[in-house]
Amino acid sequence: MTEMLVRKDRLREFRFAPEAAALADGQALLRLTRFALTSNNVTYAAIGDGFGYWKFFPAADGWGRVPAWGFADVEASNAVDLGIGERIWGYYPIASRLIVTPAKVTARGFVDGAEHRQGLPPIYNQYERVAADPAYDAARENQAALFRPLFATGFLLDDFLDEHAAFGAKRVALASASSKTALSLAKLLKDRGTVEVVGLTGAANAAFVEQTGYYDRVVAYDRLGTMPNDADVTLVDMAGSPGVIDALADRLGPKFVYNCMVGAAHWDAAREREPKGPPRTLFFAPDRSQKRLADWGAEGFAKRYRAAWSGFMATADRWLKVIEDRGEDAVRTRWLALLDGKARPEEGYILSL
């Protein structure tokens, strides 16, 4: 096994290391053949200690294994009812392989019953057998790896904002509007049609954000002084940059009514201080997911999600450019590009070790 280890407090410091892969009774070895690398992975690392993301795949003190979503094959198995060669979707470390302890095995999948994963959010512990997924399409694994977890967050955010009537706002602004989570949410808000959807982004990405057609208005960060201030605004912040929030607060004043923090694309700045405006309220998708599973049931949740997902994917193909690569150098290059904000928004990285 080869794995990527990152310093928790210095995300630009990382290394690739070998790891033994001996199986005990009841365990299985999954070979990770493709995973998505996006700003979402940076968020996992940036807030990993506060929200438990480092706990899923623990490492030596000071180091962490960055989680990623992807597809793997069962390479070896000492587990009952899990056969070699099965294709599995789920949550993995950035590594070549993962040892799991399958529990609660059903026709649809299993839960990793490893002791250290007990008590962690269930959404991250579930592994699905793709052969039992009616929506699985082998030709579209890349799109699923890139968007499925991010779209799920957008789907839950859209539902959260709808339930709270956008906290009284007639305008919802999305910071880091070119991020895949923001694009997912913007499409759903635009389809719902109850608020004006405003994309906040860097000048270099403004043209791309406009061409997606998901936003009613696009405002570059260096032009926040032109942001309309004639209606209440709720911010959904995928960026975490205090300077951007300060500028928005200065422009909107009391019209800035709610600040929903989701990600941390500007991960280093997000740690600096609390910005101006209403206090940041963190949106934690696993908690919202558990609420709606209880409210709607598993089938009701899946039906709503599938309808939203199919509508989004019908439009994403027109702008998404998938880039596939493999090896340590490929992962190193893409990780640094995401940390430094140099990744192109229309690109989606699909990698493997």
Protein backbone atom coordinates (compact mmCIF):
# COMPACT_ATOMS: atom_id res chain seq x y z
CA MET A 1 0.00 0.00 0.00
CA THR A 2 1.05 3.58 -0.71
CA GLU A 3 -0.59 6.47 1.12
CA MET A 4 -0.38 10.25 1.24
CA LEU A 5 0.34 11.74 4.68
CA VAL A 6 -0.22 15.45 5.29
CA ARG A 7 0.89 17.62 8.20
CA LYS A 8 -2.35 18.69 9.85
CA ASP A 9 -1.13 22.21 10.61
CA ARG A 10 0.91 22.69 7.41
CA LEU A 11 -1.06 21.34 4.47
CA ARG A 12 1.72 22.04 1.97
CA GLU A 13 3.95 19.60 3.86
CA PHE A 14 3.15 16.04 2.82
CA ARG A 15 4.80 12.79 1.81
CA PHE A 16 4.00 9.44 0.28
CA ALA A 17 4.74 6.41 2.42
CA PRO A 18 4.40 2.62 2.20
CA GLU A 19 2.05 0.82 4.60
CA ALA A 20 1.64 -2.88 5.35
CA ALA A 21 -1.56 -4.57 4.19
CA ALA A 22 -2.05 -7.73 6.24
CA LEU A 23 -5.66 -8.89 6.58
CA ALA A 24 -7.21 -10.26 9.76
CA ASP A 25 -10.30 -12.43 9.87
CA GLY A 26 -13.39 -10.50 8.80
CA GLN A 27 -11.43 -7.86 6.88
CA ALA A 28 -11.18 -7.02 3.17
CA LEU A 29 -8.61 -5.16 1.09
CA LEU A 30 -10.00 -2.56 -1.33
CA ARG A 31 -7.83 -1.30 -4.18
CA LEU A 32 -8.70 2.33 -4.91
CA THR A 33 -8.70 2.72 -8.70
CA ARG A 34 -10.03 6.28 -8.99
CA PHE A 35 -10.83 9.13 -6.65
CA ALA A 36 -11.78 12.77 -7.10
CA LEU A 37 -9.57 15.58 -5.83
CA THR A 38 -11.33 18.92 -5.38
CA SER A 39 -11.40 21.87 -2.99
CA ASN A 40 -13.69 19.69 -0.88
CA ASN A 41 -10.66 17.61 0.08
CA VAL A 42 -8.87 20.78 1.15
CA THR A 43 -11.86 21.58 3.37
CA TYR A 44 -11.68 18.12 4.96
CA ALA A 45 -8.05 18.81 5.85
CA ALA A 46 -8.50 22.45 6.88
CA ILE A 47 -11.25 21.71 9.43
CA GLY A 48 -10.29 18.11 10.08
CA ASP A 49 -9.56 18.44 13.78
CA GLY A 50 -12.67 20.45 14.57
CA PHE A 51 -15.11 18.17 12.73
CA GLY A 52 -13.48 14.77 12.97
CA TYR A 53 -12.40 14.24 9.37
CA TRP A 54 -8.95 13.09 10.49
CA LYS A 55 -10.53 10.38 12.65
CA PHE A 56 -11.69 8.21 9.75
CA PHE A 57 -8.18 7.21 8.72
CA PRO A 58 -5.93 8.03 11.70
CA ALA A 59 -2.18 8.50 11.32
CA ALA A 60 0.78 9.21 13.59
CA ASP A 61 0.69 12.34 15.75
CA GLY A 62 0.71 15.53 13.70
CA TRP A 63 -0.04 13.74 10.42
CA GLY A 64 -3.31 12.96 8.70
CA ARG A 65 -4.70 10.93 5.83
CA VAL A 66 -6.84 13.20 3.64
CA PRO A 67 -10.22 11.62 2.82
CA ALA A 68 -11.51 11.34 -0.75
CA TRP A 69 -14.51 9.82 -2.53
CA GLY A 70 -14.03 7.22 -5.21
CA PHE A 71 -14.32 3.68 -6.54
CA ALA A 72 -12.38 0.59 -5.49
CA ASP A 73 -12.29 -3.12 -6.23
CA VAL A 74 -12.18 -5.85 -3.61
CA GLU A 75 -8.65 -7.22 -4.07
CA ALA A 76 -8.64 -9.72 -1.18
CA SER A 77 -11.28 -10.74 1.33
CA ASN A 78 -11.49 -12.58 4.63
CA ALA A 79 -14.99 -11.18 5.11
CA VAL A 80 -18.20 -13.14 4.81
CA ASP A 81 -20.38 -12.23 1.81
CA LEU A 82 -17.88 -9.87 0.19
CA GLY A 83 -16.27 -11.34 -2.90
CA ILE A 84 -13.06 -10.54 -4.74
CA GLY A 85 -13.61 -8.30 -7.75
CA GLU A 86 -16.66 -6.44 -6.46
CA ARG A 87 -16.77 -2.73 -7.29
CA ILE A 88 -17.29 -0.48 -4.27
CA TRP A 89 -18.16 3.23 -4.01
CA GLY A 90 -17.25 5.06 -0.84
CA TYR A 91 -15.00 7.19 1.35
CA TYR A 92 -11.28 6.42 1.23
CA PRO A 93 -7.98 7.95 2.22
CA ILE A 94 -5.75 9.20 -0.59
CA ALA A 95 -3.95 5.90 -0.91
CA SER A 96 -3.62 2.91 -3.18
CA ARG A 97 -5.61 0.60 -0.88
CA LEU A 98 -7.74 0.51 2.25
CA ILE A 99 -8.39 -2.29 4.74
CA VAL A 100 -12.01 -2.37 5.94
CA THR A 101 -13.94 -4.52 8.39
CA PRO A 102 -17.32 -5.04 6.68
CA ALA A 103 -20.29 -5.05 9.04
CA LYS A 104 -24.04 -4.97 8.47
CA VAL A 105 -23.43 -6.47 5.02
CA THR A 106 -26.47 -6.37 2.71
CA ALA A 107 -27.08 -6.73 -1.00
CA ARG A 108 -26.54 -2.97 -1.34
CA GLY A 109 -23.34 -2.60 0.64
CA PHE A 110 -21.80 -2.57 4.09
CA VAL A 111 -20.55 -0.38 6.92
CA ASP A 112 -16.89 -0.28 7.92
CA GLY A 113 -17.05 -1.74 11.41
CA ALA A 114 -13.47 -0.82 12.30
CA GLU A 115 -13.30 0.14 15.98
CA HIS A 116 -11.89 3.62 15.36
CA ARG A 117 -14.82 4.50 13.06
CA GLN A 118 -17.52 3.83 15.63
CA GLY A 119 -19.50 6.92 16.53
CA LEU A 120 -18.46 8.85 13.41
CA PRO A 121 -21.12 10.24 11.00
CA PRO A 122 -22.73 7.23 9.25
CA ILE A 123 -22.77 8.89 5.82
CA TYR A 124 -18.97 8.50 5.66
CA ASN A 125 -18.88 4.90 6.91
CA GLN A 126 -21.17 3.36 4.31
CA TYR A 127 -19.80 1.54 1.25
CA GLU A 128 -22.01 0.69 -1.71
CA ARG A 129 -21.85 -2.25 -4.09
CA VAL A 130 -22.25 -0.60 -7.46
CA ALA A 131 -23.83 -3.74 -8.91
CA ALA A 132 -26.85 -3.09 -6.66
CA ASP A 133 -27.14 0.63 -7.48
CA PRO A 134 -29.79 1.23 -10.17
CA ALA A 135 -28.29 4.66 -10.93
CA TYR A 136 -24.74 3.37 -11.46
CA ASP A 137 -23.26 3.95 -14.91
CA ALA A 138 -19.73 2.64 -15.44
CA ALA A 139 -19.17 5.18 -18.22
CA ARG A 140 -19.89 8.04 -15.80
CA GLU A 141 -17.81 7.05 -12.79
CA ASN A 142 -15.68 10.16 -13.18
CA GLN A 143 -18.67 12.48 -12.93
CA ALA A 144 -20.03 10.56 -9.95
CA ALA A 145 -16.69 10.70 -8.11
CA LEU A 146 -16.34 14.43 -8.77
CA PHE A 147 -19.85 15.54 -7.98
CA ARG A 148 -21.77 13.00 -5.98
CA PRO A 149 -20.61 14.08 -2.49
CA LEU A 150 -20.45 17.77 -3.44
CA PHE A 151 -23.85 17.73 -5.07
CA ALA A 152 -25.24 16.03 -1.96
CA THR A 153 -24.05 19.02 0.08
CA GLY A 154 -25.63 21.40 -2.44
CA PHE A 155 -28.87 19.40 -2.33
CA LEU A 156 -28.97 19.57 1.47
CA LEU A 157 -28.12 23.28 1.49
CA ASP A 158 -30.91 24.03 -0.97
CA ASP A 159 -33.35 22.16 1.25
CA PHE A 160 -32.02 23.94 4.38
CA LEU A 161 -32.39 27.38 2.81
CA ASP A 162 -35.86 26.55 1.55
CA GLU A 163 -36.98 25.36 4.97
CA HIS A 164 -35.81 28.64 6.52
CA ALA A 165 -37.03 30.84 3.61
CA ALA A 166 -33.39 31.89 3.08
CA PHE A 167 -33.60 33.58 6.50
CA GLY A 168 -35.82 36.27 5.04
CA ALA A 169 -33.43 37.18 2.22
CA LYS A 170 -34.55 37.77 -1.35
CA ARG A 171 -30.99 37.36 -2.60
CA VAL A 172 -28.59 34.48 -1.88
CA ALA A 173 -24.91 35.08 -2.60
CA LEU A 174 -22.51 32.16 -3.03
CA ALA A 175 -18.84 32.88 -2.34
CA SER A 176 -16.35 30.76 -4.29
CA ALA A 177 -19.10 30.51 -6.89
CA SER A 178 -16.96 28.44 -9.25
CA SER A 179 -16.55 25.61 -6.72
CA LYS A 180 -18.38 22.40 -7.48
CA THR A 181 -20.49 22.60 -4.32
CA ALA A 182 -21.51 26.17 -5.14
CA LEU A 183 -22.38 25.26 -8.73
CA SER A 184 -24.55 22.40 -7.48
CA LEU A 185 -26.39 24.66 -5.05
CA ALA A 186 -26.74 27.49 -7.58
CA LYS A 187 -28.43 25.20 -10.11
CA LEU A 188 -30.94 24.00 -7.52
CA LEU A 189 -31.67 27.52 -6.25
CA LYS A 190 -32.11 28.78 -9.80
CA ASP A 191 -34.53 25.96 -10.56
CA ARG A 192 -36.49 26.66 -7.37
CA GLY A 193 -36.84 30.32 -8.39
CA THR A 194 -37.61 31.83 -4.99
CA VAL A 195 -34.47 34.01 -4.63
CA GLU A 196 -32.02 35.85 -6.84
CA VAL A 197 -28.82 33.77 -7.05
CA VAL A 198 -25.60 35.79 -7.00
CA GLY A 199 -22.19 34.28 -7.66
CA LEU A 200 -19.17 35.85 -5.95
CA THR A 201 -15.87 34.84 -7.53
CA GLY A 202 -12.42 35.96 -8.58
CA ALA A 203 -12.17 38.07 -11.72
CA ALA A 204 -10.36 35.27 -13.56
CA ASN A 205 -13.30 32.91 -13.03
CA ALA A 206 -16.16 35.34 -13.64
CA ALA A 207 -16.64 34.47 -17.32
CA PHE A 208 -16.78 30.75 -16.54
CA VAL A 209 -19.30 31.24 -13.72
CA GLU A 210 -21.53 33.29 -16.01
CA GLN A 211 -21.44 30.75 -18.83
CA THR A 212 -22.76 27.94 -16.61
CA GLY A 213 -26.11 29.73 -16.57
CA TYR A 214 -26.68 28.82 -12.92
CA TYR A 215 -26.50 32.38 -11.56
CA ASP A 216 -28.76 35.39 -12.03
CA ARG A 217 -25.86 37.74 -11.38
CA VAL A 218 -22.06 37.37 -11.06
CA VAL A 219 -19.93 39.81 -9.05
CA ALA A 220 -16.14 39.61 -8.93
CA TYR A 221 -14.49 39.97 -5.55
CA ASP A 222 -12.73 43.17 -6.62
CA ARG A 223 -16.11 44.70 -7.55
CA LEU A 224 -18.05 43.94 -4.37
CA GLY A 225 -18.67 47.68 -4.11
CA THR A 226 -21.13 47.25 -7.00
CA MET A 227 -23.14 44.55 -5.23
CA PRO A 228 -26.80 45.65 -5.06
CA ASN A 229 -27.79 46.57 -1.50
CA ASP A 230 -31.50 47.07 -1.99
CA ALA A 231 -32.57 43.72 -0.50
CA ASP A 232 -31.60 41.40 2.35
CA VAL A 233 -28.81 38.96 1.49
CA THR A 234 -27.90 35.54 2.83
CA LEU A 235 -24.34 34.44 2.14
CA VAL A 236 -23.41 30.81 1.56
CA ASP A 237 -19.65 30.89 1.97
CA MET A 238 -17.58 28.15 0.32
CA ALA A 239 -14.43 30.25 0.57
CA GLY A 240 -13.87 31.30 4.15
CA SER A 241 -11.95 34.47 3.26
CA PRO A 242 -12.46 37.14 5.99
CA GLY A 243 -11.48 39.93 3.58
CA VAL A 244 -14.27 39.04 1.15
CA ILE A 245 -16.83 38.84 3.95
CA ASP A 246 -15.65 42.17 5.37
CA ALA A 247 -16.10 43.86 1.98
CA LEU A 248 -19.56 42.35 1.63
CA ALA A 249 -20.52 43.49 5.13
CA ASP A 250 -19.28 47.01 4.40
CA ARG A 251 -21.37 47.14 1.23
CA LEU A 252 -24.56 45.59 2.62
CA GLY A 253 -24.63 46.80 6.21
CA PRO A 254 -27.83 45.58 7.93
CA LYS A 255 -28.99 43.98 4.67
CA PHE A 256 -26.44 41.19 5.32
CA VAL A 257 -28.70 38.92 7.40
CA TYR A 258 -27.10 35.46 7.53
CA ASN A 259 -23.65 33.96 6.93
CA CYS A 260 -23.67 30.21 6.28
CA MET A 261 -20.14 28.79 6.19
CA VAL A 262 -19.77 25.55 4.27
CA GLY A 263 -16.22 25.12 3.06
CA ALA A 264 -12.79 26.69 3.24
CA ALA A 265 -11.38 27.09 -0.26
CA HIS A 266 -9.22 29.90 1.14
CA TRP A 267 -8.23 27.53 3.90
CA ASP A 268 -5.30 29.52 5.28
CA ALA A 269 -7.23 32.80 5.54
CA ALA A 270 -10.27 31.11 7.09
CA ARG A 271 -8.29 30.50 10.28
CA GLU A 272 -7.25 34.12 10.75
CA ARG A 273 -10.17 35.76 12.54
CA GLU A 274 -13.92 36.22 12.68
CA PRO A 275 -14.97 38.64 9.90
CA LYS A 276 -17.49 41.48 9.99
CA GLY A 277 -21.22 40.98 9.51
CA PRO A 278 -23.48 38.36 11.08
CA PRO A 279 -21.67 35.52 12.87
CA ARG A 280 -20.57 32.59 10.73
CA THR A 281 -22.81 29.57 11.21
CA LEU A 282 -21.29 26.31 10.02
CA PHE A 283 -23.46 24.04 7.90
CA PHE A 284 -22.58 20.38 8.58
CA ALA A 285 -24.05 18.23 5.82
CA PRO A 286 -24.03 14.90 7.73
CA ASP A 287 -26.32 16.35 10.42
CA ARG A 288 -28.73 17.66 7.80
CA SER A 289 -28.63 14.33 6.00
CA GLN A 290 -29.57 12.44 9.16
CA LYS A 291 -32.46 14.82 9.78
CA ARG A 292 -33.91 14.36 6.32
CA LEU A 293 -33.42 10.60 6.37
CA ALA A 294 -35.51 10.58 9.54
CA ASP A 295 -38.09 12.95 8.02
CA TRP A 296 -38.41 11.39 4.58
CA GLY A 297 -37.16 7.84 5.02
CA ALA A 298 -34.40 6.31 2.92
CA GLU A 299 -36.58 5.84 -0.16
CA GLY A 300 -38.06 9.32 0.02
CA PHE A 301 -34.61 10.85 0.38
CA ALA A 302 -33.24 8.80 -2.53
CA LYS A 303 -36.17 9.75 -4.80
CA ARG A 304 -35.71 13.47 -4.18
CA TYR A 305 -31.95 13.25 -4.56
CA ARG A 306 -32.06 11.25 -7.81
CA ALA A 307 -34.44 13.76 -9.42
CA ALA A 308 -32.19 16.68 -8.48
CA TRP A 309 -29.02 14.84 -9.51
CA SER A 310 -30.29 13.89 -12.96
CA GLY A 311 -31.31 17.49 -13.64
CA PHE A 312 -27.90 18.80 -12.67
CA MET A 313 -25.87 16.23 -14.61
CA ALA A 314 -27.89 16.98 -17.75
CA THR A 315 -26.30 20.45 -17.72
CA ALA A 316 -22.83 19.79 -16.22
CA ASP A 317 -21.50 17.97 -19.27
CA ARG A 318 -21.55 21.19 -21.27
CA TRP A 319 -18.79 22.79 -19.16
CA LEU A 320 -17.01 20.02 -17.19
CA LYS A 321 -13.54 18.91 -18.37
CA VAL A 322 -12.38 15.70 -16.69
CA ILE A 323 -8.62 15.28 -16.25
CA GLU A 324 -7.44 11.77 -15.39
CA ASP A 325 -3.95 11.06 -14.09
CA ARG A 326 -2.14 8.61 -11.84
CA GLY A 327 0.91 8.37 -9.61
CA GLU A 328 2.49 10.36 -6.80
CA ASP A 329 3.60 13.24 -9.02
CA ALA A 330 0.07 13.67 -10.36
CA VAL A 331 -1.43 13.78 -6.85
CA ARG A 332 1.30 16.15 -5.65
CA THR A 333 0.74 18.57 -8.54
CA ARG A 334 -3.04 18.67 -8.19
CA TRP A 335 -3.00 18.94 -4.38
CA LEU A 336 -0.69 21.96 -4.51
CA ALA A 337 -2.77 23.55 -7.29
CA LEU A 338 -5.87 23.30 -5.08
CA LEU A 339 -4.06 24.66 -2.02
CA ASP A 340 -2.72 27.60 -4.03
CA GLY A 341 -6.02 28.36 -5.73
CA LYS A 342 -4.61 27.59 -9.18
CA ALA A 343 -7.01 24.84 -10.21
CA ARG A 344 -9.28 25.75 -13.14
CA PRO A 345 -12.97 25.65 -12.15
CA GLU A 346 -14.07 23.78 -15.28
CA GLU A 347 -11.56 20.99 -14.59
CA GLY A 348 -12.26 17.91 -12.53
CA TYR A 349 -9.33 15.83 -11.29
CA ILE A 350 -9.68 12.06 -11.25
CA LEU A 351 -6.57 10.43 -9.80
CA SER A 352 -5.14 7.19 -8.48
CA LEU A 353 -1.97 6.00 -6.78
